[in-house]
Amino acid sequence: MHDDMLAGMSGIARRHQPPITIRSARAAALLARLTAGGRSQAEVIEDALEQLAAGHQTLAAALAPATPLDFAWEPPRSGLQSPVPDLGD
């Protein structure tokens, strides 16, 4: 959004602004922790988005864990073997 749009939206009562839905347990937990001091969820989200925009950082980069997670994506090999069909008949 442009700065003039943001300035115009800040004057609108919160109940008249469009809602934001978060479907992430991790984001909801972080939001609960950041609002424990009495700040509203809207203030926390707006500040975070402004910081991302100012730093030209993507949301994915901001939410990435500090240490990379390593998963073993390859499933273990099966020891089962199927019999070879006799097609000589």
PDB file of N, CA and C in Angstrom:
ATOM      1  N   MET A   1       0.829  -1.181   0.000  1.00  0.00           N
ATOM      2  CA  MET A   1       0.000   0.000   0.000  1.00  0.00           C
ATOM      3  C   MET A   1       0.873   1.242   0.000  1.00  0.00           C
ATOM      4  N   HIS A   2       0.355   2.258  -0.566  1.00  0.00           N
ATOM      5  CA  HIS A   2       1.074   3.524  -0.583  1.00  0.00           C
ATOM      6  C   HIS A   2       0.884   4.215   0.758  1.00  0.00           C
ATOM      7  N   ASP A   3       1.813   5.109   1.093  1.00  0.00           N
ATOM      8  CA  ASP A   3       1.753   5.815   2.369  1.00  0.00           C
ATOM      9  C   ASP A   3       0.456   6.612   2.524  1.00  0.00           C
ATOM     10  N   ASP A   4      -0.038   7.206   1.422  1.00  0.00           N
ATOM     11  CA  ASP A   4      -1.270   7.986   1.533  1.00  0.00           C
ATOM     12  C   ASP A   4      -2.473   7.085   1.830  1.00  0.00           C
ATOM     13  N   MET A   5      -2.449   5.864   1.304  1.00  0.00           N
ATOM     14  CA  MET A   5      -3.530   4.924   1.609  1.00  0.00           C
ATOM     15  C   MET A   5      -3.472   4.491   3.070  1.00  0.00           C
ATOM     16  N   LEU A   6      -2.253   4.258   3.552  1.00  0.00           N
ATOM     17  CA  LEU A   6      -2.087   3.863   4.955  1.00  0.00           C
ATOM     18  C   LEU A   6      -2.535   4.980   5.881  1.00  0.00           C
ATOM     19  N   ALA A   7      -2.196   6.198   5.539  1.00  0.00           N
ATOM     20  CA  ALA A   7      -2.593   7.331   6.373  1.00  0.00           C
ATOM     21  C   ALA A   7      -4.108   7.449   6.405  1.00  0.00           C
ATOM     22  N   GLY A   8      -4.746   7.219   5.262  1.00  0.00           N
ATOM     23  CA  GLY A   8      -6.204   7.295   5.208  1.00  0.00           C
ATOM     24  C   GLY A   8      -6.863   6.184   5.995  1.00  0.00           C
ATOM     25  N   MET A   9      -6.284   5.006   6.014  1.00  0.00           N
ATOM     26  CA  MET A   9      -6.877   3.880   6.723  1.00  0.00           C
ATOM     27  C   MET A   9      -6.722   4.009   8.228  1.00  0.00           C
ATOM     28  N   SER A  10      -5.674   4.702   8.677  1.00  0.00           N
ATOM     29  CA  SER A  10      -5.467   4.822  10.118  1.00  0.00           C
ATOM     30  C   SER A  10      -6.555   5.666  10.771  1.00  0.00           C
ATOM     31  N   GLY A  11      -7.211   6.525   9.993  1.00  0.00           N
ATOM     32  CA  GLY A  11      -8.288   7.350  10.532  1.00  0.00           C
ATOM     33  C   GLY A  11      -9.620   6.623  10.592  1.00  0.00           C
ATOM     34  N   ILE A  12      -9.717   5.466   9.956  1.00  0.00           N
ATOM     35  CA  ILE A  12     -10.956   4.691   9.948  1.00  0.00           C
ATOM     36  C   ILE A  12     -11.019   3.858  11.229  1.00  0.00           C
ATOM     37  N   ALA A  13     -12.198   3.807  11.850  1.00  0.00           N
ATOM     38  CA  ALA A  13     -12.358   2.989  13.060  1.00  0.00           C
ATOM     39  C   ALA A  13     -12.059   1.536  12.720  1.00  0.00           C
ATOM     40  N   ARG A  14     -11.412   0.828  13.633  1.00  0.00           N
ATOM     41  CA  ARG A  14     -10.999  -0.555  13.399  1.00  0.00           C
ATOM     42  C   ARG A  14     -12.170  -1.442  12.971  1.00  0.00           C
ATOM     43  N   ARG A  15     -13.345  -1.225  13.544  1.00  0.00           N
ATOM     44  CA  ARG A  15     -14.479  -2.100  13.223  1.00  0.00           C
ATOM     45  C   ARG A  15     -14.946  -1.931  11.787  1.00  0.00           C
ATOM     46  N   HIS A  16     -14.535  -0.833  11.132  1.00  0.00           N
ATOM     47  CA  HIS A  16     -14.911  -0.591   9.745  1.00  0.00           C
ATOM     48  C   HIS A  16     -13.818  -1.004   8.763  1.00  0.00           C
ATOM     49  N   GLN A  17     -12.675  -1.454   9.272  1.00  0.00           N
ATOM     50  CA  GLN A  17     -11.590  -1.889   8.399  1.00  0.00           C
ATOM     51  C   GLN A  17     -11.749  -3.373   8.092  1.00  0.00           C
ATOM     52  N   PRO A  18     -11.190  -3.834   6.980  1.00  0.00           N
ATOM     53  CA  PRO A  18     -11.320  -5.251   6.629  1.00  0.00           C
ATOM     54  C   PRO A  18     -10.582  -6.134   7.640  1.00  0.00           C
ATOM     55  N   PRO A  19     -11.170  -7.292   7.999  1.00  0.00           N
ATOM     56  CA  PRO A  19     -10.517  -8.185   8.949  1.00  0.00           C
ATOM     57  C   PRO A  19      -9.381  -8.976   8.298  1.00  0.00           C
ATOM     58  N   ILE A  20      -8.460  -9.446   9.134  1.00  0.00           N
ATOM     59  CA  ILE A  20      -7.372 -10.317   8.694  1.00  0.00           C
ATOM     60  C   ILE A  20      -7.538 -11.634   9.441  1.00  0.00           C
ATOM     61  N   THR A  21      -7.462 -12.743   8.722  1.00  0.00           N
ATOM     62  CA  THR A  21      -7.569 -14.059   9.339  1.00  0.00           C
ATOM     63  C   THR A  21      -6.214 -14.750   9.269  1.00  0.00           C
ATOM     64  N   ILE A  22      -5.765 -15.287  10.403  1.00  0.00           N
ATOM     65  CA  ILE A  22      -4.492 -16.005  10.448  1.00  0.00           C
ATOM     66  C   ILE A  22      -4.800 -17.473  10.731  1.00  0.00           C
ATOM     67  N   ARG A  23      -4.361 -18.349   9.847  1.00  0.00           N
ATOM     68  CA  ARG A  23      -4.568 -19.783  10.015  1.00  0.00           C
ATOM     69  C   ARG A  23      -3.209 -20.460  10.205  1.00  0.00           C
ATOM     70  N   SER A  24      -2.554 -20.102  11.265  1.00  0.00           N
ATOM     71  CA  SER A  24      -1.240 -20.647  11.561  1.00  0.00           C
ATOM     72  C   SER A  24      -1.074 -20.705  13.066  1.00  0.00           C
ATOM     73  N   ALA A  25      -0.860 -21.907  13.594  1.00  0.00           N
ATOM     74  CA  ALA A  25      -0.675 -22.055  15.037  1.00  0.00           C
ATOM     75  C   ALA A  25       0.576 -21.307  15.498  1.00  0.00           C
ATOM     76  N   ARG A  26       1.628 -21.339  14.685  1.00  0.00           N
ATOM     77  CA  ARG A  26       2.876 -20.665  15.048  1.00  0.00           C
ATOM     78  C   ARG A  26       2.681 -19.155  15.098  1.00  0.00           C
ATOM     79  N   ALA A  27       2.004 -18.600  14.073  1.00  0.00           N
ATOM     80  CA  ALA A  27       1.767 -17.165  14.043  1.00  0.00           C
ATOM     81  C   ALA A  27       0.844 -16.739  15.176  1.00  0.00           C
ATOM     82  N   ALA A  28      -0.172 -17.551  15.469  1.00  0.00           N
ATOM     83  CA  ALA A  28      -1.097 -17.229  16.556  1.00  0.00           C
ATOM     84  C   ALA A  28      -0.371 -17.226  17.907  1.00  0.00           C
ATOM     85  N   ALA A  29       0.541 -18.176  18.103  1.00  0.00           N
ATOM     86  CA  ALA A  29       1.310 -18.231  19.353  1.00  0.00           C
ATOM     87  C   ALA A  29       2.227 -17.013  19.479  1.00  0.00           C
ATOM     88  N   LEU A  30       2.874 -16.642  18.382  1.00  0.00           N
ATOM     89  CA  LEU A  30       3.739 -15.455  18.400  1.00  0.00           C
ATOM     90  C   LEU A  30       2.926 -14.196  18.659  1.00  0.00           C
ATOM     91  N   LEU A  31       1.762 -14.111  18.044  1.00  0.00           N
ATOM     92  CA  LEU A  31       0.901 -12.948  18.234  1.00  0.00           C
ATOM     93  C   LEU A  31       0.431 -12.855  19.684  1.00  0.00           C
ATOM     94  N   ALA A  32       0.088 -13.985  20.274  1.00  0.00           N
ATOM     95  CA  ALA A  32      -0.335 -13.988  21.678  1.00  0.00           C
ATOM     96  C   ALA A  32       0.805 -13.520  22.585  1.00  0.00           C
ATOM     97  N   ARG A  33       2.023 -13.961  22.276  1.00  0.00           N
ATOM     98  CA  ARG A  33       3.186 -13.563  23.084  1.00  0.00           C
ATOM     99  C   ARG A  33       3.466 -12.067  22.928  1.00  0.00           C
ATOM    100  N   LEU A  34       3.311 -11.545  21.714  1.00  0.00           N
ATOM    101  CA  LEU A  34       3.603 -10.136  21.467  1.00  0.00           C
ATOM    102  C   LEU A  34       2.513  -9.197  21.975  1.00  0.00           C
ATOM    103  N   THR A  35       1.315  -9.705  22.207  1.00  0.00           N
ATOM    104  CA  THR A  35       0.232  -8.868  22.720  1.00  0.00           C
ATOM    105  C   THR A  35       0.060  -9.009  24.227  1.00  0.00           C
ATOM    106  N   ALA A  36       0.906  -9.798  24.866  1.00  0.00           N
ATOM    107  CA  ALA A  36       0.797 -10.006  26.316  1.00  0.00           C
ATOM    108  C   ALA A  36       1.018  -8.708  27.090  1.00  0.00           C
ATOM    109  N   GLY A  37       1.749  -7.774  26.533  1.00  0.00           N
ATOM    110  CA  GLY A  37       2.030  -6.506  27.209  1.00  0.00           C
ATOM    111  C   GLY A  37       0.913  -5.482  27.090  1.00  0.00           C
ATOM    112  N   GLY A  38      -0.167  -5.838  26.424  1.00  0.00           N
ATOM    113  CA  GLY A  38      -1.281  -4.918  26.313  1.00  0.00           C
ATOM    114  C   GLY A  38      -1.474  -4.302  24.935  1.00  0.00           C
ATOM    115  N   ARG A  39      -0.539  -4.549  24.013  1.00  0.00           N
ATOM    116  CA  ARG A  39      -0.702  -4.025  22.649  1.00  0.00           C
ATOM    117  C   ARG A  39      -1.808  -4.805  21.941  1.00  0.00           C
ATOM    118  N   SER A  40      -2.484  -4.154  21.029  1.00  0.00           N
ATOM    119  CA  SER A  40      -3.527  -4.839  20.271  1.00  0.00           C
ATOM    120  C   SER A  40      -2.891  -5.693  19.179  1.00  0.00           C
ATOM    121  N   GLN A  41      -3.637  -6.704  18.739  1.00  0.00           N
ATOM    122  CA  GLN A  41      -3.156  -7.555  17.655  1.00  0.00           C
ATOM    123  C   GLN A  41      -2.925  -6.730  16.392  1.00  0.00           C
ATOM    124  N   ALA A  42      -3.811  -5.791  16.118  1.00  0.00           N
ATOM    125  CA  ALA A  42      -3.675  -4.951  14.927  1.00  0.00           C
ATOM    126  C   ALA A  42      -2.383  -4.139  14.976  1.00  0.00           C
ATOM    127  N   GLU A  43      -2.046  -3.584  16.136  1.00  0.00           N
ATOM    128  CA  GLU A  43      -0.812  -2.797  16.265  1.00  0.00           C
ATOM    129  C   GLU A  43       0.409  -3.673  15.992  1.00  0.00           C
ATOM    130  N   VAL A  44       0.420  -4.870  16.565  1.00  0.00           N
ATOM    131  CA  VAL A  44       1.562  -5.772  16.392  1.00  0.00           C
ATOM    132  C   VAL A  44       1.718  -6.150  14.925  1.00  0.00           C
ATOM    133  N   ILE A  45       0.609  -6.504  14.272  1.00  0.00           N
ATOM    134  CA  ILE A  45       0.660  -6.910  12.866  1.00  0.00           C
ATOM    135  C   ILE A  45       1.076  -5.742  11.988  1.00  0.00           C
ATOM    136  N   GLU A  46       0.505  -4.565  12.213  1.00  0.00           N
ATOM    137  CA  GLU A  46       0.865  -3.391  11.409  1.00  0.00           C
ATOM    138  C   GLU A  46       2.330  -3.040  11.568  1.00  0.00           C
ATOM    139  N   ASP A  47       2.843  -3.062  12.803  1.00  0.00           N
ATOM    140  CA  ASP A  47       4.262  -2.753  13.025  1.00  0.00           C
ATOM    141  C   ASP A  47       5.156  -3.765  12.318  1.00  0.00           C
ATOM    142  N   ALA A  48       4.797  -5.040  12.404  1.00  0.00           N
ATOM    143  CA  ALA A  48       5.609  -6.085  11.772  1.00  0.00           C
ATOM    144  C   ALA A  48       5.616  -5.917  10.255  1.00  0.00           C
ATOM    145  N   LEU A  49       4.462  -5.628   9.682  1.00  0.00           N
ATOM    146  CA  LEU A  49       4.385  -5.448   8.229  1.00  0.00           C
ATOM    147  C   LEU A  49       5.150  -4.206   7.787  1.00  0.00           C
ATOM    148  N   GLU A  50       5.096  -3.136   8.576  1.00  0.00           N
ATOM    149  CA  GLU A  50       5.858  -1.930   8.244  1.00  0.00           C
ATOM    150  C   GLU A  50       7.361  -2.205   8.290  1.00  0.00           C
ATOM    151  N   GLN A  51       7.801  -2.983   9.271  1.00  0.00           N
ATOM    152  CA  GLN A  51       9.222  -3.332   9.364  1.00  0.00           C
ATOM    153  C   GLN A  51       9.645  -4.180   8.170  1.00  0.00           C
ATOM    154  N   LEU A  52       8.791  -5.117   7.760  1.00  0.00           N
ATOM    155  CA  LEU A  52       9.104  -5.927   6.589  1.00  0.00           C
ATOM    156  C   LEU A  52       9.209  -5.070   5.340  1.00  0.00           C
ATOM    157  N   ALA A  53       8.262  -4.160   5.169  1.00  0.00           N
ATOM    158  CA  ALA A  53       8.262  -3.292   3.995  1.00  0.00           C
ATOM    159  C   ALA A  53       9.484  -2.377   3.986  1.00  0.00           C
ATOM    160  N   ALA A  54       9.858  -1.856   5.145  1.00  0.00           N
ATOM    161  CA  ALA A  54      11.009  -0.949   5.225  1.00  0.00           C
ATOM    162  C   ALA A  54      12.310  -1.681   4.932  1.00  0.00           C
ATOM    163  N   GLY A  55      12.408  -2.924   5.362  1.00  0.00           N
ATOM    164  CA  GLY A  55      13.633  -3.691   5.149  1.00  0.00           C
ATOM    165  C   GLY A  55      13.616  -4.509   3.877  1.00  0.00           C
ATOM    166  N   HIS A  56      12.526  -4.423   3.115  1.00  0.00           N
ATOM    167  CA  HIS A  56      12.371  -5.197   1.882  1.00  0.00           C
ATOM    168  C   HIS A  56      12.582  -6.683   2.136  1.00  0.00           C
ATOM    169  N   GLN A  57      12.149  -7.144   3.284  1.00  0.00           N
ATOM    170  CA  GLN A  57      12.284  -8.542   3.649  1.00  0.00           C
ATOM    171  C   GLN A  57      10.955  -9.238   3.369  1.00  0.00           C
ATOM    172  N   THR A  58      11.026 -10.460   2.938  1.00  0.00           N
ATOM    173  CA  THR A  58       9.790 -11.196   2.673  1.00  0.00           C
ATOM    174  C   THR A  58       9.247 -11.765   3.968  1.00  0.00           C
ATOM    175  N   LEU A  59       7.963 -12.048   3.986  1.00  0.00           N
ATOM    176  CA  LEU A  59       7.342 -12.655   5.155  1.00  0.00           C
ATOM    177  C   LEU A  59       7.943 -14.032   5.416  1.00  0.00           C
ATOM    178  N   ALA A  60       8.213 -14.782   4.372  1.00  0.00           N
ATOM    179  CA  ALA A  60       8.820 -16.112   4.535  1.00  0.00           C
ATOM    180  C   ALA A  60      10.182 -16.004   5.212  1.00  0.00           C
ATOM    181  N   ALA A  61      10.973 -15.007   4.839  1.00  0.00           N
ATOM    182  CA  ALA A  61      12.291 -14.830   5.461  1.00  0.00           C
ATOM    183  C   ALA A  61      12.150 -14.419   6.920  1.00  0.00           C
ATOM    184  N   ALA A  62      11.161 -13.595   7.210  1.00  0.00           N
ATOM    185  CA  ALA A  62      10.960 -13.147   8.589  1.00  0.00           C
ATOM    186  C   ALA A  62      10.491 -14.285   9.487  1.00  0.00           C
ATOM    187  N   LEU A  63       9.708 -15.198   8.942  1.00  0.00           N
ATOM    188  CA  LEU A  63       9.187 -16.312   9.736  1.00  0.00           C
ATOM    189  C   LEU A  63      10.094 -17.533   9.732  1.00  0.00           C
ATOM    190  N   ALA A  64      11.158 -17.498   8.962  1.00  0.00           N
ATOM    191  CA  ALA A  64      12.072 -18.641   8.893  1.00  0.00           C
ATOM    192  C   ALA A  64      12.742 -18.853  10.250  1.00  0.00           C
ATOM    193  N   PRO A  65      12.949 -20.108  10.634  1.00  0.00           N
ATOM    194  CA  PRO A  65      13.617 -20.371  11.917  1.00  0.00           C
ATOM    195  C   PRO A  65      15.052 -19.859  11.905  1.00  0.00           C
ATOM    196  N   ALA A  66      15.552 -19.499  13.076  1.00  0.00           N
ATOM    197  CA  ALA A  66      16.910 -18.964  13.182  1.00  0.00           C
ATOM    198  C   ALA A  66      17.945 -20.007  12.751  1.00  0.00           C
ATOM    199  N   THR A  67      17.702 -21.260  13.105  1.00  0.00           N
ATOM    200  CA  THR A  67      18.570 -22.343  12.658  1.00  0.00           C
ATOM    201  C   THR A  67      17.780 -23.194  11.675  1.00  0.00           C
ATOM    202  N   PRO A  68      18.379 -23.554  10.555  1.00  0.00           N
ATOM    203  CA  PRO A  68      17.663 -24.340   9.553  1.00  0.00           C
ATOM    204  C   PRO A  68      17.244 -25.699  10.120  1.00  0.00           C
ATOM    205  N   LEU A  69      16.082 -26.138   9.714  1.00  0.00           N
ATOM    206  CA  LEU A  69      15.583 -27.441  10.128  1.00  0.00           C
ATOM    207  C   LEU A  69      15.993 -28.480   9.089  1.00  0.00           C
ATOM    208  N   ASP A  70      16.454 -29.625   9.559  1.00  0.00           N
ATOM    209  CA  ASP A  70      16.896 -30.670   8.648  1.00  0.00           C
ATOM    210  C   ASP A  70      15.985 -31.876   8.826  1.00  0.00           C
ATOM    211  N   PHE A  71      15.325 -32.262   7.757  1.00  0.00           N
ATOM    212  CA  PHE A  71      14.421 -33.398   7.806  1.00  0.00           C
ATOM    213  C   PHE A  71      14.944 -34.506   6.904  1.00  0.00           C
ATOM    214  N   ALA A  72      14.762 -35.747   7.323  1.00  0.00           N
ATOM    215  CA  ALA A  72      15.092 -36.895   6.495  1.00  0.00           C
ATOM    216  C   ALA A  72      13.871 -37.180   5.625  1.00  0.00           C
ATOM    217  N   TRP A  73      13.857 -36.619   4.428  1.00  0.00           N
ATOM    218  CA  TRP A  73      12.684 -36.748   3.565  1.00  0.00           C
ATOM    219  C   TRP A  73      12.613 -38.105   2.887  1.00  0.00           C
ATOM    220  N   GLU A  74      13.718 -38.788   2.750  1.00  0.00           N
ATOM    221  CA  GLU A  74      13.747 -40.083   2.073  1.00  0.00           C
ATOM    222  C   GLU A  74      13.259 -41.167   3.031  1.00  0.00           C
ATOM    223  N   PRO A  75      12.201 -41.894   2.681  1.00  0.00           N
ATOM    224  CA  PRO A  75      11.722 -42.949   3.572  1.00  0.00           C
ATOM    225  C   PRO A  75      12.710 -44.108   3.592  1.00  0.00           C
ATOM    226  N   PRO A  76      12.695 -44.896   4.656  1.00  0.00           N
ATOM    227  CA  PRO A  76      13.614 -46.036   4.703  1.00  0.00           C
ATOM    228  C   PRO A  76      13.277 -47.042   3.597  1.00  0.00           C
ATOM    229  N   ARG A  77      14.293 -47.696   3.082  1.00  0.00           N
ATOM    230  CA  ARG A  77      14.117 -48.692   2.027  1.00  0.00           C
ATOM    231  C   ARG A  77      13.484 -49.956   2.597  1.00  0.00           C
ATOM    232  N   SER A  78      12.642 -50.545   1.807  1.00  0.00           N
ATOM    233  CA  SER A  78      11.974 -51.773   2.215  1.00  0.00           C
ATOM    234  C   SER A  78      12.881 -52.968   1.935  1.00  0.00           C
ATOM    235  N   GLY A  79      12.851 -53.964   2.802  1.00  0.00           N
ATOM    236  CA  GLY A  79      13.632 -55.187   2.594  1.00  0.00           C
ATOM    237  C   GLY A  79      12.818 -56.238   1.868  1.00  0.00           C
ATOM    238  N   LEU A  80      11.575 -55.935   1.573  1.00  0.00           N
ATOM    239  CA  LEU A  80      10.725 -56.908   0.880  1.00  0.00           C
ATOM    240  C   LEU A  80      11.076 -56.986  -0.592  1.00  0.00           C
ATOM    241  N   GLN A  81      10.990 -58.184  -1.140  1.00  0.00           N
ATOM    242  CA  GLN A  81      11.230 -58.361  -2.567  1.00  0.00           C
ATOM    243  C   GLN A  81      10.068 -59.136  -3.145  1.00  0.00           C
ATOM    244  N   SER A  82       9.644 -58.732  -4.311  1.00  0.00           N
ATOM    245  CA  SER A  82       8.549 -59.451  -4.945  1.00  0.00           C
ATOM    246  C   SER A  82       9.117 -60.561  -5.803  1.00  0.00           C
ATOM    247  N   PRO A  83       8.382 -61.679  -5.890  1.00  0.00           N
ATOM    248  CA  PRO A  83       8.876 -62.780  -6.716  1.00  0.00           C
ATOM    249  C   PRO A  83       8.831 -62.408  -8.186  1.00  0.00           C
ATOM    250  N   VAL A  84       9.791 -62.885  -8.957  1.00  0.00           N
ATOM    251  CA  VAL A  84       9.831 -62.635 -10.387  1.00  0.00           C
ATOM    252  C   VAL A  84       8.870 -63.617 -11.063  1.00  0.00           C
ATOM    253  N   PRO A  85       7.904 -63.118 -11.813  1.00  0.00           N
ATOM    254  CA  PRO A  85       6.953 -64.046 -12.464  1.00  0.00           C
ATOM    255  C   PRO A  85       7.631 -64.890 -13.545  1.00  0.00           C
ATOM    256  N   ASP A  86       7.192 -66.143 -13.646  1.00  0.00           N
ATOM    257  CA  ASP A  86       7.712 -67.040 -14.683  1.00  0.00           C
ATOM    258  C   ASP A  86       6.817 -66.922 -15.891  1.00  0.00           C
ATOM    259  N   LEU A  87       7.280 -66.223 -16.906  1.00  0.00           N
ATOM    260  CA  LEU A  87       6.480 -65.988 -18.111  1.00  0.00           C
ATOM    261  C   LEU A  87       6.868 -66.954 -19.236  1.00  0.00           C
ATOM    262  N   GLY A  88       7.510 -68.068 -18.920  1.00  0.00           N
ATOM    263  CA  GLY A  88       7.986 -69.013 -19.915  1.00  0.00           C
ATOM    264  C   GLY A  88       6.927 -69.917 -20.466  1.00  0.00           C
ATOM    265  N   ASP A  89       5.734 -69.985 -19.932  1.00  0.00           N
ATOM    266  CA  ASP A  89       4.690 -70.897 -20.430  1.00  0.00           C
ATOM    267  C   ASP A  89       4.150 -70.503 -21.741  1.00  0.00           C
TER     268      ASP A  89
END
